[in-house]
Each structure stands twice: as structure tokens, then as C-alpha cells.
Amino acid sequence: METGTFPYKNGFSGPGINKMSKLGVLSNITNKRETKMKAEKRSTEKMPNRFCFTLIELLIVIAIIAILAGMLLPALNRARNSAKRILCTGNVKSLASTFILYADSFEYFPSPYDMPKENGTEDWYYLDAVAELYKLPKYRAQDAVNKRSNPSSTIFYCPMENMARYLDSTKFGSIHSCYGVNPFAGGTSAGAGWYAVKKRKAARLPEPSKMCLLMETDGAGMFQLTKTCTYAETYDSSNYFAPKFRHDKCLNAAFVDGHAQTMTRIKVPCKESYPARSDAQIQNTIFSRGEVYMQGNATYTIIGL
């Protein structure tokens, strides 16, 4: 190496280097930098496009979500309704246990027109009397004014029933019970007409596992199998004794022996299930009356459906 010349880090020689060579090297470096910057710019411009959906892709995602929701929502609704049905079954079972406890103490099941109300009269508000006797929370007509109870917490309310309708006496009835008792189980010594039934001791009922004690109705404290539920939002005083199939064409019922079960329409001998049958055929069943004839009529026989 000549005296006075030495290499630099950027590749230039000492003072004796050729100027043209220096310009060529600078040009090469500049070109490389520009090429690198252009490449980085292109990469940054393309980067956001990798994370954006096209309209078609977005529509496909929305369609998939809609399909999944359509598949899951019915299942969720069924699960919710099933939970309500189970809660209703528990209510029926609890009420049956209460009536059996009453029968153990008084020999008879509680019956309408035989239990005193708060004002001393006798009426089918006997459900209020039973609730008061056993400290059961029950919504009553006067509670609408006094605000003393939570309607949804009572075992007299089925969660499948519309709450606003349940609280409205002009639409549901003043008894405020989703469950009605079989008048032929306890009988009644007062009143007249179809509910004038001879009282029988609970221990003497012949078929406790087959005779219905209580079931879901449309607002009455008793059930009458010869009535058909209208399923209307308005109050129907002539048909609110009818069995009401709230749970996907099923209802909950409890029997004299205390067991409760969910029953389909075909298993309930009522006018709604068998419209072509006569009232006598519907009422004269073990499900309704038991095996003995009623009202002192020796020719009165028990007929199956």
C-alpha cells in the first residue's frame, strides 16, 4: 500500500482514490437503500390487507353464525321450558304432600265449600286457608293492594303461566292458583250441582296411585274434566276449571298416594283429550272418582276411556 493511503470502513481508499470510483460506489449504496425502502413500503402497504375481510367472506361468517344460532336457540328454549316443567312438577308434589299432611290430621282431604275463609264463610278459597294453616306463601287478591307477597315465589304458581295474567283477577280468576284439586277426592257436604259430592275419608279411597288429587288448571281451585280450556288471555269463568296443558301439550298432576308426574293429553281422561266422549264417560273413571259409585246411585258405574 502506498504511503499516505489507507482503507476506510465504507470501502474508500485514501486521498489518492479515483473520483469516478467513489461516485460509483455512492450510486450503488443509494440504489440499495432506495430498493430497500421501496420493498419496506410495499410490505407495509400489503400488511393490512392480510387482516381484512372481503364482503363475501363477511357474509359467509354472518351466515354461519345465523345457522349456529338457529340450531342452538331452540335447544336453549327447550332446556328452559324443561326446567320450568320440573319446577312445576315440584310445586304439584309439594301441594300433594301438604294435602296428605292435612288428611293425616283431619282424615279428609281439604275440599271446597267446607273450609272457612278469613271472613268466616265457606268457599273454594279453601286454598287460602290451607296456605295459611301450613304457612305456605300464596298470592291473594288483597296482596295486589298490600304488596305483601312475591307471586313468583309461591308453589301455587306455574312458571309457564304469564305472570301479568296470573295477577289480573279479570283475566285469571280471583283464586290465583294454577292448580286445581279433584273435588271427588275430598268431597263436599255443601253446595249444589256437580261439586255436591259425598265426603270420603282419605284412607278409604280405593286406588290412591290411580286417582288424581290435583292438576294444572286455568285458574280455578278445582278441576272439572268435562270442561275444555280455551287458552285465551281473557278470563273465562265457565272453563277455568278445565285442565290446562301448559308444557308442550302436557300437564303436571299429583295422585292420592302423593306421587306426581307429567302427563300427555291422551293419558288425561278429559273433554279436551276425548271430545267425542260423553260427560259421564269422562267423569266416571278411576282417574277422577275411584272405583265406587258416587252420589248414592247404585246404577252408577265406573267406565274407562
C-alpha atoms as a PDB file:
ATOM      1  CA  MET A   1       0.000   0.000   0.000  1.00  0.00           C
ATOM      2  CA  GLU A   2       1.306   3.441  -0.967  1.00  0.00           C
ATOM      3  CA  THR A   3       2.382   5.871   1.657  1.00  0.00           C
ATOM      4  CA  GLY A   4      -0.447   8.249   2.699  1.00  0.00           C
ATOM      5  CA  THR A   5      -3.275   5.905   1.641  1.00  0.00           C
ATOM      6  CA  PHE A   6      -5.407   3.642   3.883  1.00  0.00           C
ATOM      7  CA  PRO A   7      -8.763   1.873   3.525  1.00  0.00           C
ATOM      8  CA  TYR A   8     -11.919   3.329   5.160  1.00  0.00           C
ATOM      9  CA  LYS A   9     -14.797   1.364   6.548  1.00  0.00           C
ATOM     10  CA  ASN A  10     -17.042   2.365   3.677  1.00  0.00           C
ATOM     11  CA  GLY A  11     -14.600   0.899   1.196  1.00  0.00           C
ATOM     12  CA  PHE A  12     -12.980   4.194   0.086  1.00  0.00           C
ATOM     13  CA  SER A  13      -9.244   4.452  -0.158  1.00  0.00           C
ATOM     14  CA  GLY A  14      -7.142   7.284   0.936  1.00  0.00           C
ATOM     15  CA  PRO A  15      -6.686  10.627  -0.713  1.00  0.00           C
ATOM     16  CA  GLY A  16      -5.357   9.048  -3.884  1.00  0.00           C
ATOM     17  CA  ILE A  17      -8.617   7.201  -4.802  1.00  0.00           C
ATOM     18  CA  ASN A  18     -10.159   7.796  -8.160  1.00  0.00           C
ATOM     19  CA  LYS A  19     -13.139  10.194  -8.039  1.00  0.00           C
ATOM     20  CA  MET A  20     -15.169   8.177 -10.574  1.00  0.00           C
ATOM     21  CA  SER A  21     -14.814   5.063  -8.463  1.00  0.00           C
ATOM     22  CA  LYS A  22     -16.043   6.940  -5.433  1.00  0.00           C
ATOM     23  CA  LEU A  23     -19.125   8.180  -7.287  1.00  0.00           C
ATOM     24  CA  GLY A  24     -19.904   4.659  -8.499  1.00  0.00           C
ATOM     25  CA  VAL A  25     -19.794   3.262  -5.004  1.00  0.00           C
ATOM     26  CA  LEU A  26     -22.058   6.029  -3.703  1.00  0.00           C
ATOM     27  CA  SER A  27     -24.511   5.370  -6.502  1.00  0.00           C
ATOM     28  CA  ASN A  28     -24.628   1.673  -5.646  1.00  0.00           C
ATOM     29  CA  ILE A  29     -25.269   2.401  -1.979  1.00  0.00           C
ATOM     30  CA  THR A  30     -28.017   4.858  -2.846  1.00  0.00           C
ATOM     31  CA  ASN A  31     -29.696   2.370  -5.166  1.00  0.00           C
ATOM     32  CA  LYS A  32     -29.614  -0.324  -2.486  1.00  0.00           C
ATOM     33  CA  ARG A  33     -31.182   2.000   0.056  1.00  0.00           C
ATOM     34  CA  GLU A  34     -33.918   3.044  -2.354  1.00  0.00           C
ATOM     35  CA  THR A  35     -34.617  -0.568  -3.244  1.00  0.00           C
ATOM     36  CA  LYS A  36     -34.831  -1.485   0.437  1.00  0.00           C
ATOM     37  CA  MET A  37     -37.163   1.427   1.202  1.00  0.00           C
ATOM     38  CA  LYS A  38     -39.439   0.519  -1.715  1.00  0.00           C
ATOM     39  CA  ALA A  39     -39.594  -3.079  -0.527  1.00  0.00           C
ATOM     40  CA  GLU A  40     -40.454  -1.973   3.025  1.00  0.00           C
ATOM     41  CA  LYS A  41     -43.108   0.374   1.658  1.00  0.00           C
ATOM     42  CA  ARG A  42     -44.655  -2.384  -0.414  1.00  0.00           C
ATOM     43  CA  SER A  43     -44.695  -4.723   2.562  1.00  0.00           C
ATOM     44  CA  THR A  44     -46.349  -2.125   4.816  1.00  0.00           C
ATOM     45  CA  GLU A  45     -48.951  -1.413   2.140  1.00  0.00           C
ATOM     46  CA  LYS A  46     -49.815  -5.090   1.787  1.00  0.00           C
ATOM     47  CA  MET A  47     -49.783  -5.865   5.508  1.00  0.00           C
ATOM     48  CA  PRO A  48     -53.286  -4.506   6.409  1.00  0.00           C
ATOM     49  CA  ASN A  49     -54.911  -6.413   3.557  1.00  0.00           C
ATOM     50  CA  ARG A  50     -53.949  -9.679   5.196  1.00  0.00           C
ATOM     51  CA  PHE A  51     -56.317  -8.966   8.144  1.00  0.00           C
ATOM     52  CA  CYS A  52     -59.339  -7.514   6.312  1.00  0.00           C
ATOM     53  CA  PHE A  53     -62.425  -9.482   5.243  1.00  0.00           C
ATOM     54  CA  THR A  54     -63.878  -9.121   1.856  1.00  0.00           C
ATOM     55  CA  LEU A  55     -67.636  -8.616   1.619  1.00  0.00           C
ATOM     56  CA  ILE A  56     -68.146 -12.241   0.564  1.00  0.00           C
ATOM     57  CA  GLU A  57     -66.111 -13.536   3.496  1.00  0.00           C
ATOM     58  CA  LEU A  58     -68.047 -11.322   5.901  1.00  0.00           C
ATOM     59  CA  LEU A  59     -71.385 -12.580   4.574  1.00  0.00           C
ATOM     60  CA  ILE A  60     -70.210 -16.179   4.896  1.00  0.00           C
ATOM     61  CA  VAL A  61     -69.240 -15.611   8.556  1.00  0.00           C
ATOM     62  CA  ILE A  62     -72.620 -13.978   9.288  1.00  0.00           C
ATOM     63  CA  ALA A  63     -74.433 -16.879   7.618  1.00  0.00           C
ATOM     64  CA  ILE A  64     -72.501 -19.427   9.706  1.00  0.00           C
ATOM     65  CA  ILE A  65     -73.327 -17.535  12.922  1.00  0.00           C
ATOM     66  CA  ALA A  66     -77.013 -17.386  11.943  1.00  0.00           C
ATOM     67  CA  ILE A  67     -77.075 -21.130  11.260  1.00  0.00           C
ATOM     68  CA  LEU A  68     -75.445 -21.912  14.612  1.00  0.00           C
ATOM     69  CA  ALA A  69     -77.859 -19.590  16.424  1.00  0.00           C
ATOM     70  CA  GLY A  70     -80.794 -21.251  14.680  1.00  0.00           C
ATOM     71  CA  MET A  71     -79.552 -24.632  15.859  1.00  0.00           C
ATOM     72  CA  LEU A  72     -78.777 -23.590  19.450  1.00  0.00           C
ATOM     73  CA  LEU A  73     -81.689 -21.291  20.356  1.00  0.00           C
ATOM     74  CA  PRO A  74     -84.408 -23.973  20.061  1.00  0.00           C
ATOM     75  CA  ALA A  75     -82.307 -26.259  22.233  1.00  0.00           C
ATOM     76  CA  LEU A  76     -81.881 -23.481  24.799  1.00  0.00           C
ATOM     77  CA  ASN A  77     -85.628 -22.794  24.762  1.00  0.00           C
ATOM     78  CA  ARG A  78     -86.361 -26.480  25.267  1.00  0.00           C
ATOM     79  CA  ALA A  79     -83.932 -26.597  28.167  1.00  0.00           C
ATOM     80  CA  ARG A  80     -85.541 -23.527  29.736  1.00  0.00           C
ATOM     81  CA  ASN A  81     -89.055 -24.938  29.320  1.00  0.00           C
ATOM     82  CA  SER A  82     -87.908 -28.270  30.692  1.00  0.00           C
ATOM     83  CA  ALA A  83     -86.574 -26.506  33.790  1.00  0.00           C
ATOM     84  CA  LYS A  84     -89.918 -24.735  34.228  1.00  0.00           C
ATOM     85  CA  ARG A  85     -91.765 -28.036  33.835  1.00  0.00           C
ATOM     86  CA  ILE A  86     -89.592 -29.637  36.523  1.00  0.00           C
ATOM     87  CA  LEU A  87     -90.252 -26.695  38.846  1.00  0.00           C
ATOM     88  CA  CYS A  88     -93.982 -27.038  38.202  1.00  0.00           C
ATOM     89  CA  THR A  89     -93.792 -30.767  38.997  1.00  0.00           C
ATOM     90  CA  GLY A  90     -92.136 -29.844  42.280  1.00  0.00           C
ATOM     91  CA  ASN A  91     -94.985 -27.431  43.047  1.00  0.00           C
ATOM     92  CA  VAL A  92     -97.588 -30.126  42.406  1.00  0.00           C
ATOM     93  CA  LYS A  93     -95.661 -32.601  44.530  1.00  0.00           C
ATOM     94  CA  SER A  94     -95.378 -30.106  47.388  1.00  0.00           C
ATOM     95  CA  LEU A  95     -99.085 -29.317  47.304  1.00  0.00           C
ATOM     96  CA  ALA A  96     -99.959 -33.015  47.274  1.00  0.00           C
ATOM     97  CA  SER A  97     -97.719 -33.563  50.287  1.00  0.00           C
ATOM     98  CA  THR A  98     -99.485 -30.695  52.060  1.00  0.00           C
ATOM     99  CA  PHE A  99    -102.929 -32.187  51.349  1.00  0.00           C
ATOM    100  CA  ILE A 100    -101.775 -35.602  52.538  1.00  0.00           C
ATOM    101  CA  LEU A 101    -100.481 -33.979  55.719  1.00  0.00           C
ATOM    102  CA  TYR A 102    -103.881 -32.357  56.134  1.00  0.00           C
ATOM    103  CA  ALA A 103    -105.620 -35.719  55.599  1.00  0.00           C
ATOM    104  CA  ASP A 104    -103.399 -37.327  58.234  1.00  0.00           C
ATOM    105  CA  SER A 105    -104.619 -34.724  60.706  1.00  0.00           C
ATOM    106  CA  PHE A 106    -108.297 -34.438  59.722  1.00  0.00           C
ATOM    107  CA  GLU A 107    -108.973 -37.778  57.925  1.00  0.00           C
ATOM    108  CA  TYR A 108    -110.275 -35.981  54.813  1.00  0.00           C
ATOM    109  CA  PHE A 109    -108.559 -34.107  52.024  1.00  0.00           C
ATOM    110  CA  PRO A 110    -109.306 -30.378  52.025  1.00  0.00           C
ATOM    111  CA  SER A 111    -112.389 -29.772  49.946  1.00  0.00           C
ATOM    112  CA  PRO A 112    -114.126 -26.697  48.555  1.00  0.00           C
ATOM    113  CA  TYR A 113    -117.181 -25.266  50.315  1.00  0.00           C
ATOM    114  CA  ASP A 114    -116.157 -26.941  53.557  1.00  0.00           C
ATOM    115  CA  MET A 115    -113.295 -24.795  54.861  1.00  0.00           C
ATOM    116  CA  PRO A 116    -113.784 -21.353  56.410  1.00  0.00           C
ATOM    117  CA  LYS A 117    -112.302 -18.267  54.831  1.00  0.00           C
ATOM    118  CA  GLU A 118    -110.911 -15.367  56.843  1.00  0.00           C
ATOM    119  CA  ASN A 119    -114.365 -13.758  56.993  1.00  0.00           C
ATOM    120  CA  GLY A 120    -115.988 -16.956  58.283  1.00  0.00           C
ATOM    121  CA  THR A 121    -117.779 -18.014  55.090  1.00  0.00           C
ATOM    122  CA  GLU A 122    -117.178 -21.262  53.231  1.00  0.00           C
ATOM    123  CA  ASP A 123    -115.920 -21.181  49.670  1.00  0.00           C
ATOM    124  CA  TRP A 124    -113.264 -22.610  47.390  1.00  0.00           C
ATOM    125  CA  TYR A 125    -110.876 -20.037  48.794  1.00  0.00           C
ATOM    126  CA  TYR A 126    -110.012 -23.019  50.953  1.00  0.00           C
ATOM    127  CA  LEU A 127    -106.648 -22.888  49.184  1.00  0.00           C
ATOM    128  CA  ASP A 128    -106.001 -19.656  51.105  1.00  0.00           C
ATOM    129  CA  ALA A 129    -106.984 -21.479  54.310  1.00  0.00           C
ATOM    130  CA  VAL A 130    -104.604 -24.358  53.538  1.00  0.00           C
ATOM    131  CA  ALA A 131    -101.813 -21.917  52.724  1.00  0.00           C
ATOM    132  CA  GLU A 132    -102.422 -20.074  55.975  1.00  0.00           C
ATOM    133  CA  LEU A 133    -102.602 -23.280  58.011  1.00  0.00           C
ATOM    134  CA  TYR A 134     -99.258 -24.588  56.732  1.00  0.00           C
ATOM    135  CA  LYS A 135     -97.538 -21.207  56.263  1.00  0.00           C
ATOM    136  CA  LEU A 136     -97.336 -21.567  52.510  1.00  0.00           C
ATOM    137  CA  PRO A 137     -96.687 -18.361  50.552  1.00  0.00           C
ATOM    138  CA  LYS A 138     -99.692 -17.720  48.326  1.00  0.00           C
ATOM    139  CA  TYR A 139    -100.659 -14.664  46.324  1.00  0.00           C
ATOM    140  CA  ARG A 140    -104.151 -13.451  47.189  1.00  0.00           C
ATOM    141  CA  ALA A 141    -106.371 -10.738  45.773  1.00  0.00           C
ATOM    142  CA  GLN A 142    -105.730  -8.404  48.707  1.00  0.00           C
ATOM    143  CA  ASP A 143    -101.980  -8.698  48.168  1.00  0.00           C
ATOM    144  CA  ALA A 144    -102.315  -6.627  44.998  1.00  0.00           C
ATOM    145  CA  VAL A 145    -103.097  -3.697  47.273  1.00  0.00           C
ATOM    146  CA  ASN A 146    -100.965  -4.558  50.287  1.00  0.00           C
ATOM    147  CA  LYS A 147     -97.912  -5.744  48.285  1.00  0.00           C
ATOM    148  CA  ARG A 148     -97.265  -8.407  50.896  1.00  0.00           C
ATOM    149  CA  SER A 149     -96.018 -11.321  48.826  1.00  0.00           C
ATOM    150  CA  ASN A 150     -93.876 -12.222  45.868  1.00  0.00           C
ATOM    151  CA  PRO A 151     -96.149 -14.085  43.419  1.00  0.00           C
ATOM    152  CA  SER A 152     -93.316 -15.942  41.684  1.00  0.00           C
ATOM    153  CA  SER A 153     -92.152 -17.495  44.973  1.00  0.00           C
ATOM    154  CA  THR A 154     -95.400 -19.344  45.687  1.00  0.00           C
ATOM    155  CA  ILE A 155     -95.917 -23.016  44.894  1.00  0.00           C
ATOM    156  CA  PHE A 156     -99.394 -22.141  43.615  1.00  0.00           C
ATOM    157  CA  TYR A 157     -97.840 -20.506  40.537  1.00  0.00           C
ATOM    158  CA  CYS A 158     -96.629 -22.394  37.459  1.00  0.00           C
ATOM    159  CA  PRO A 159     -93.635 -20.622  35.853  1.00  0.00           C
ATOM    160  CA  MET A 160     -95.057 -21.327  32.388  1.00  0.00           C
ATOM    161  CA  GLU A 161     -98.076 -19.137  33.119  1.00  0.00           C
ATOM    162  CA  ASN A 162     -97.945 -15.483  32.111  1.00  0.00           C
ATOM    163  CA  MET A 163     -97.244 -13.543  35.312  1.00  0.00           C
ATOM    164  CA  ALA A 164     -99.249 -10.448  34.330  1.00  0.00           C
ATOM    165  CA  ARG A 165    -102.270 -12.636  33.548  1.00  0.00           C
ATOM    166  CA  TYR A 166    -101.835 -14.577  36.786  1.00  0.00           C
ATOM    167  CA  LEU A 167    -102.012 -11.381  38.846  1.00  0.00           C
ATOM    168  CA  ASP A 168    -105.006  -9.964  36.992  1.00  0.00           C
ATOM    169  CA  SER A 169    -108.278 -11.203  38.550  1.00  0.00           C
ATOM    170  CA  THR A 170    -110.210 -10.164  35.448  1.00  0.00           C
ATOM    171  CA  LYS A 171    -108.097 -12.491  33.285  1.00  0.00           C
ATOM    172  CA  PHE A 172    -107.097 -15.365  35.535  1.00  0.00           C
ATOM    173  CA  GLY A 173    -109.565 -15.530  38.392  1.00  0.00           C
ATOM    174  CA  SER A 174    -109.506 -14.346  41.980  1.00  0.00           C
ATOM    175  CA  ILE A 175    -108.284 -17.676  43.368  1.00  0.00           C
ATOM    176  CA  HIS A 176    -104.793 -17.101  41.955  1.00  0.00           C
ATOM    177  CA  SER A 177    -103.818 -20.743  41.711  1.00  0.00           C
ATOM    178  CA  CYS A 178    -102.508 -22.569  38.660  1.00  0.00           C
ATOM    179  CA  TYR A 179    -103.557 -25.861  40.254  1.00  0.00           C
ATOM    180  CA  GLY A 180    -106.971 -27.302  40.996  1.00  0.00           C
ATOM    181  CA  VAL A 181    -107.944 -30.119  43.342  1.00  0.00           C
ATOM    182  CA  ASN A 182    -110.167 -33.069  42.494  1.00  0.00           C
ATOM    183  CA  PRO A 183    -113.480 -32.414  44.307  1.00  0.00           C
ATOM    184  CA  PHE A 184    -114.198 -36.154  44.240  1.00  0.00           C
ATOM    185  CA  ALA A 185    -111.107 -36.879  46.332  1.00  0.00           C
ATOM    186  CA  GLY A 186    -112.198 -34.901  49.374  1.00  0.00           C
ATOM    187  CA  GLY A 187    -115.837 -34.357  48.528  1.00  0.00           C
ATOM    188  CA  THR A 188    -118.023 -31.631  49.917  1.00  0.00           C
ATOM    189  CA  SER A 189    -121.140 -31.627  52.029  1.00  0.00           C
ATOM    190  CA  ALA A 190    -122.245 -28.152  50.953  1.00  0.00           C
ATOM    191  CA  GLY A 191    -123.093 -26.510  47.670  1.00  0.00           C
ATOM    192  CA  ALA A 192    -125.123 -27.906  44.828  1.00  0.00           C
ATOM    193  CA  GLY A 193    -124.661 -29.260  41.329  1.00  0.00           C
ATOM    194  CA  TRP A 194    -121.685 -31.192  40.063  1.00  0.00           C
ATOM    195  CA  TYR A 195    -119.493 -30.449  43.080  1.00  0.00           C
ATOM    196  CA  ALA A 196    -122.042 -31.823  45.596  1.00  0.00           C
ATOM    197  CA  VAL A 197    -120.078 -34.996  46.305  1.00  0.00           C
ATOM    198  CA  LYS A 198    -120.200 -37.291  49.287  1.00  0.00           C
ATOM    199  CA  LYS A 199    -117.186 -36.891  51.530  1.00  0.00           C
ATOM    200  CA  ARG A 200    -114.912 -39.903  51.870  1.00  0.00           C
ATOM    201  CA  LYS A 201    -112.040 -40.463  54.238  1.00  0.00           C
ATOM    202  CA  ALA A 202    -108.670 -40.367  52.549  1.00  0.00           C
ATOM    203  CA  ALA A 203    -107.710 -43.790  53.886  1.00  0.00           C
ATOM    204  CA  ARG A 204    -110.744 -45.366  52.187  1.00  0.00           C
ATOM    205  CA  LEU A 205    -110.057 -44.135  48.671  1.00  0.00           C
ATOM    206  CA  PRO A 206    -109.595 -47.437  46.805  1.00  0.00           C
ATOM    207  CA  GLU A 207    -106.978 -46.592  44.148  1.00  0.00           C
ATOM    208  CA  PRO A 208    -104.588 -43.998  45.602  1.00  0.00           C
ATOM    209  CA  SER A 209    -101.987 -44.477  42.876  1.00  0.00           C
ATOM    210  CA  LYS A 210    -104.549 -44.058  40.061  1.00  0.00           C
ATOM    211  CA  MET A 211    -106.918 -41.426  41.438  1.00  0.00           C
ATOM    212  CA  CYS A 212    -105.847 -37.871  40.645  1.00  0.00           C
ATOM    213  CA  LEU A 213    -105.641 -35.477  43.589  1.00  0.00           C
ATOM    214  CA  LEU A 214    -104.757 -32.225  41.808  1.00  0.00           C
ATOM    215  CA  MET A 215    -103.591 -30.982  38.410  1.00  0.00           C
ATOM    216  CA  GLU A 216    -102.934 -27.825  36.452  1.00  0.00           C
ATOM    217  CA  THR A 217    -105.988 -25.724  35.645  1.00  0.00           C
ATOM    218  CA  ASP A 218    -106.623 -22.316  34.112  1.00  0.00           C
ATOM    219  CA  GLY A 219    -107.155 -20.526  37.394  1.00  0.00           C
ATOM    220  CA  ALA A 220    -109.709 -22.468  39.450  1.00  0.00           C
ATOM    221  CA  GLY A 221    -109.173 -24.094  42.809  1.00  0.00           C
ATOM    222  CA  MET A 222    -110.750 -27.309  41.491  1.00  0.00           C
ATOM    223  CA  PHE A 223    -110.611 -29.183  38.212  1.00  0.00           C
ATOM    224  CA  GLN A 224    -113.535 -30.430  36.134  1.00  0.00           C
ATOM    225  CA  LEU A 225    -112.608 -32.848  33.369  1.00  0.00           C
ATOM    226  CA  THR A 226    -115.743 -32.142  31.326  1.00  0.00           C
ATOM    227  CA  LYS A 227    -114.559 -28.568  30.626  1.00  0.00           C
ATOM    228  CA  THR A 228    -112.229 -27.585  27.780  1.00  0.00           C
ATOM    229  CA  CYS A 229    -109.543 -24.964  28.244  1.00  0.00           C
ATOM    230  CA  THR A 230    -109.777 -22.041  25.814  1.00  0.00           C
ATOM    231  CA  TYR A 231    -106.105 -20.964  26.201  1.00  0.00           C
ATOM    232  CA  ALA A 232    -107.278 -17.369  25.834  1.00  0.00           C
ATOM    233  CA  GLU A 233    -105.730 -14.374  27.559  1.00  0.00           C
ATOM    234  CA  THR A 234    -109.156 -13.283  28.769  1.00  0.00           C
ATOM    235  CA  TYR A 235    -110.825 -14.783  31.829  1.00  0.00           C
ATOM    236  CA  ASP A 236    -113.416 -17.490  31.118  1.00  0.00           C
ATOM    237  CA  SER A 237    -115.414 -18.277  34.238  1.00  0.00           C
ATOM    238  CA  SER A 238    -117.110 -21.283  32.620  1.00  0.00           C
ATOM    239  CA  ASN A 239    -113.931 -23.060  31.520  1.00  0.00           C
ATOM    240  CA  TYR A 240    -111.262 -22.100  34.017  1.00  0.00           C
ATOM    241  CA  PHE A 241    -111.929 -25.398  35.824  1.00  0.00           C
ATOM    242  CA  ALA A 242    -110.568 -27.231  32.764  1.00  0.00           C
ATOM    243  CA  PRO A 243    -107.187 -28.986  32.781  1.00  0.00           C
ATOM    244  CA  LYS A 244    -104.532 -26.799  31.182  1.00  0.00           C
ATOM    245  CA  PHE A 245    -101.696 -28.377  29.214  1.00  0.00           C
ATOM    246  CA  ARG A 246     -99.025 -25.714  29.639  1.00  0.00           C
ATOM    247  CA  HIS A 247     -95.950 -27.827  28.964  1.00  0.00           C
ATOM    248  CA  ASP A 248     -95.853 -28.643  25.272  1.00  0.00           C
ATOM    249  CA  LYS A 249     -99.258 -30.373  25.329  1.00  0.00           C
ATOM    250  CA  CYS A 250     -98.525 -31.924  28.734  1.00  0.00           C
ATOM    251  CA  LEU A 251     -99.560 -31.101  32.286  1.00  0.00           C
ATOM    252  CA  ASN A 252     -98.407 -31.986  35.778  1.00  0.00           C
ATOM    253  CA  ALA A 253    -100.662 -33.919  38.116  1.00  0.00           C
ATOM    254  CA  ALA A 254    -100.374 -35.478  41.567  1.00  0.00           C
ATOM    255  CA  PHE A 255    -102.211 -38.519  42.856  1.00  0.00           C
ATOM    256  CA  VAL A 256    -103.750 -39.528  46.156  1.00  0.00           C
ATOM    257  CA  ASP A 257    -100.698 -41.593  47.113  1.00  0.00           C
ATOM    258  CA  GLY A 258     -98.535 -38.466  46.775  1.00  0.00           C
ATOM    259  CA  HIS A 259     -96.593 -39.169  43.593  1.00  0.00           C
ATOM    260  CA  ALA A 260     -96.504 -36.558  40.826  1.00  0.00           C
ATOM    261  CA  GLN A 261     -95.928 -36.965  37.116  1.00  0.00           C
ATOM    262  CA  THR A 262     -96.076 -35.174  33.785  1.00  0.00           C
ATOM    263  CA  MET A 263     -98.951 -36.462  31.658  1.00  0.00           C
ATOM    264  CA  THR A 264     -99.661 -36.150  27.953  1.00  0.00           C
ATOM    265  CA  ARG A 265    -103.168 -35.344  26.734  1.00  0.00           C
ATOM    266  CA  ILE A 266    -104.010 -38.903  25.807  1.00  0.00           C
ATOM    267  CA  LYS A 267    -103.370 -40.012  29.403  1.00  0.00           C
ATOM    268  CA  VAL A 268    -105.765 -37.462  30.894  1.00  0.00           C
ATOM    269  CA  PRO A 269    -109.440 -38.502  30.536  1.00  0.00           C
ATOM    270  CA  CYS A 270    -110.838 -35.043  29.861  1.00  0.00           C
ATOM    271  CA  LYS A 271    -113.049 -33.368  27.258  1.00  0.00           C
ATOM    272  CA  GLU A 272    -110.088 -31.740  25.548  1.00  0.00           C
ATOM    273  CA  SER A 273    -108.411 -35.114  25.046  1.00  0.00           C
ATOM    274  CA  TYR A 274    -111.588 -37.038  24.137  1.00  0.00           C
ATOM    275  CA  PRO A 275    -114.134 -34.566  22.722  1.00  0.00           C
ATOM    276  CA  ALA A 276    -116.368 -37.321  21.319  1.00  0.00           C
ATOM    277  CA  ARG A 277    -116.921 -38.922  24.735  1.00  0.00           C
ATOM    278  CA  SER A 278    -119.921 -38.106  26.894  1.00  0.00           C
ATOM    279  CA  ASP A 279    -119.570 -36.297  30.207  1.00  0.00           C
ATOM    280  CA  ALA A 280    -120.472 -39.499  32.058  1.00  0.00           C
ATOM    281  CA  GLN A 281    -117.743 -41.470  30.313  1.00  0.00           C
ATOM    282  CA  ILE A 282    -115.195 -38.774  31.107  1.00  0.00           C
ATOM    283  CA  GLN A 283    -116.130 -38.339  34.760  1.00  0.00           C
ATOM    284  CA  ASN A 284    -116.757 -41.975  35.672  1.00  0.00           C
ATOM    285  CA  THR A 285    -113.148 -43.106  35.648  1.00  0.00           C
ATOM    286  CA  ILE A 286    -110.779 -44.274  38.323  1.00  0.00           C
ATOM    287  CA  PHE A 287    -108.668 -41.229  37.464  1.00  0.00           C
ATOM    288  CA  SER A 288    -111.485 -38.945  38.561  1.00  0.00           C
ATOM    289  CA  ARG A 289    -113.749 -40.759  41.045  1.00  0.00           C
ATOM    290  CA  GLY A 290    -112.178 -44.027  42.112  1.00  0.00           C
ATOM    291  CA  GLU A 291    -113.858 -47.408  41.898  1.00  0.00           C
ATOM    292  CA  VAL A 292    -117.009 -46.807  43.943  1.00  0.00           C
ATOM    293  CA  TYR A 293    -120.177 -45.248  42.580  1.00  0.00           C
ATOM    294  CA  MET A 294    -120.976 -41.722  43.705  1.00  0.00           C
ATOM    295  CA  GLN A 295    -123.996 -39.726  44.903  1.00  0.00           C
ATOM    296  CA  GLY A 296    -125.847 -42.827  46.123  1.00  0.00           C
ATOM    297  CA  ASN A 297    -126.745 -44.029  42.635  1.00  0.00           C
ATOM    298  CA  ALA A 298    -126.489 -47.834  42.614  1.00  0.00           C
ATOM    299  CA  THR A 299    -126.520 -47.945  38.819  1.00  0.00           C
ATOM    300  CA  TYR A 300    -123.601 -45.547  38.587  1.00  0.00           C
ATOM    301  CA  THR A 301    -120.668 -47.482  37.225  1.00  0.00           C
ATOM    302  CA  ILE A 302    -117.045 -46.673  36.553  1.00  0.00           C
ATOM    303  CA  ILE A 303    -116.243 -46.521  32.856  1.00  0.00           C
ATOM    304  CA  GLY A 304    -112.832 -46.438  31.272  1.00  0.00           C
ATOM    305  CA  LEU A 305    -111.903 -44.485  28.170  1.00  0.00           C
END
